[in-house]
């Protein structure tokens, strides 16, 4: 039988680490399972996962709004910063 695991079919090459507000636990468990995070000393959730698609990752993180802070990779932080700046210009009025 061929290996049809998610890791084999969708190999993750983008390792993301982000801190999420504790009230996002339900979402992490629902979308990634109970082993995708650890609790930080301040109560926030340290989320770690591998992604295959940068655009999908950034889009998903944006759905979390200010409830998440991306720690790495820096490229994801930069993309979110750029999008936030563009949104701020649109809604500045």
Protein backbone atom coordinates (compact mmCIF):
# COMPACT_ATOMS: atom_id res chain seq x y z
CA UNK A 1 0.00 0.00 0.00
CA UNK A 2 1.27 3.48 -0.81
CA UNK A 3 1.76 5.95 2.03
CA UNK A 4 -1.26 8.28 1.80
CA UNK A 5 -0.60 10.20 5.00
CA UNK A 6 -1.03 13.98 4.97
CA UNK A 7 2.70 14.38 5.51
CA UNK A 8 3.47 12.36 2.39
CA UNK A 9 0.82 13.90 0.13
CA UNK A 10 1.18 17.49 1.41
CA UNK A 11 4.74 17.84 2.68
CA UNK A 12 5.01 20.97 4.80
CA UNK A 13 7.94 23.17 3.96
CA UNK A 14 6.81 26.28 5.84
CA UNK A 15 7.14 25.93 9.62
CA UNK A 16 4.91 28.47 11.35
CA UNK A 17 5.06 29.43 15.02
CA UNK A 18 2.47 31.81 16.42
CA UNK A 19 1.12 32.88 19.78
CA UNK A 20 -2.67 32.89 20.01
CA UNK A 21 -5.03 34.19 22.66
CA UNK A 22 -6.20 31.46 25.02
CA UNK A 23 -9.80 31.78 23.81
CA UNK A 24 -8.65 30.51 20.39
CA UNK A 25 -8.05 27.03 21.82
CA UNK A 26 -11.36 25.72 20.43
CA UNK A 27 -10.36 26.78 16.93
CA UNK A 28 -6.93 25.19 17.07
CA UNK A 29 -8.33 21.93 18.40
CA UNK A 30 -11.10 21.90 15.80
CA UNK A 31 -8.83 22.66 12.85
CA UNK A 32 -5.53 21.01 13.82
CA UNK A 33 -6.17 18.72 16.79
CA UNK A 34 -5.23 18.97 20.46
CA UNK A 35 -1.50 18.45 19.92
CA UNK A 36 -0.82 21.47 17.70
CA UNK A 37 -0.07 23.86 20.56
CA UNK A 38 1.40 24.21 24.02
CA UNK A 39 0.43 26.73 26.67
CA UNK A 40 2.90 29.54 27.26
CA UNK A 41 3.59 30.91 30.74
CA UNK A 42 1.31 33.88 30.11
CA UNK A 43 -1.63 31.65 29.11
CA UNK A 44 -1.36 32.20 25.38
CA UNK A 45 -1.13 29.22 23.06
CA UNK A 46 2.06 28.50 21.15
CA UNK A 47 0.86 27.06 17.84
CA UNK A 48 3.25 25.16 15.60
CA UNK A 49 2.47 23.60 12.24
CA UNK A 50 3.92 22.94 8.81
CA UNK A 51 2.25 24.42 5.74
CA UNK A 52 2.69 23.74 2.05
CA UNK A 53 1.23 26.99 0.71
CA UNK A 54 2.31 30.47 1.81
CA UNK A 55 -0.82 32.25 0.53
CA UNK A 56 -3.11 29.81 2.32
CA UNK A 57 -1.14 30.20 5.55
CA UNK A 58 -1.28 34.00 5.46
CA UNK A 59 -5.00 33.94 4.66
CA UNK A 60 -5.70 31.61 7.57
CA UNK A 61 -3.66 33.71 9.99
CA UNK A 62 -5.53 36.84 8.90
CA UNK A 63 -8.81 35.20 9.89
CA UNK A 64 -7.51 35.21 13.47
CA UNK A 65 -7.15 38.99 13.46
CA UNK A 66 -5.38 40.46 16.48
CA UNK A 67 -5.81 37.18 18.37
CA UNK A 68 -2.54 35.88 16.86
CA UNK A 69 1.05 37.04 16.70
CA UNK A 70 3.25 35.24 14.18
CA UNK A 71 6.69 34.54 15.60
CA UNK A 72 8.12 32.91 12.51
CA UNK A 73 8.81 32.72 9.68
CA UNK A 74 9.78 36.35 9.15
CA UNK A 75 8.39 36.25 5.60
CA UNK A 76 4.90 35.60 6.99
CA UNK A 77 5.27 38.45 9.50
CA UNK A 78 6.32 40.76 6.65
CA UNK A 79 3.39 39.76 4.45
CA UNK A 80 0.89 40.34 7.26
CA UNK A 81 2.52 43.69 8.10
CA UNK A 82 2.19 44.77 4.44
CA UNK A 83 -1.47 43.71 4.26
CA UNK A 84 -2.22 45.48 7.55
CA UNK A 85 -0.66 48.67 6.17
CA UNK A 86 -2.74 48.44 3.02
CA UNK A 87 -5.92 47.90 5.05
CA UNK A 88 -5.07 50.83 7.31
CA UNK A 89 -4.82 53.11 4.25
CA UNK A 90 -8.23 51.93 2.98
CA UNK A 91 -10.00 52.39 6.32
CA UNK A 92 -8.11 55.45 7.55
CA UNK A 93 -10.95 57.89 6.90
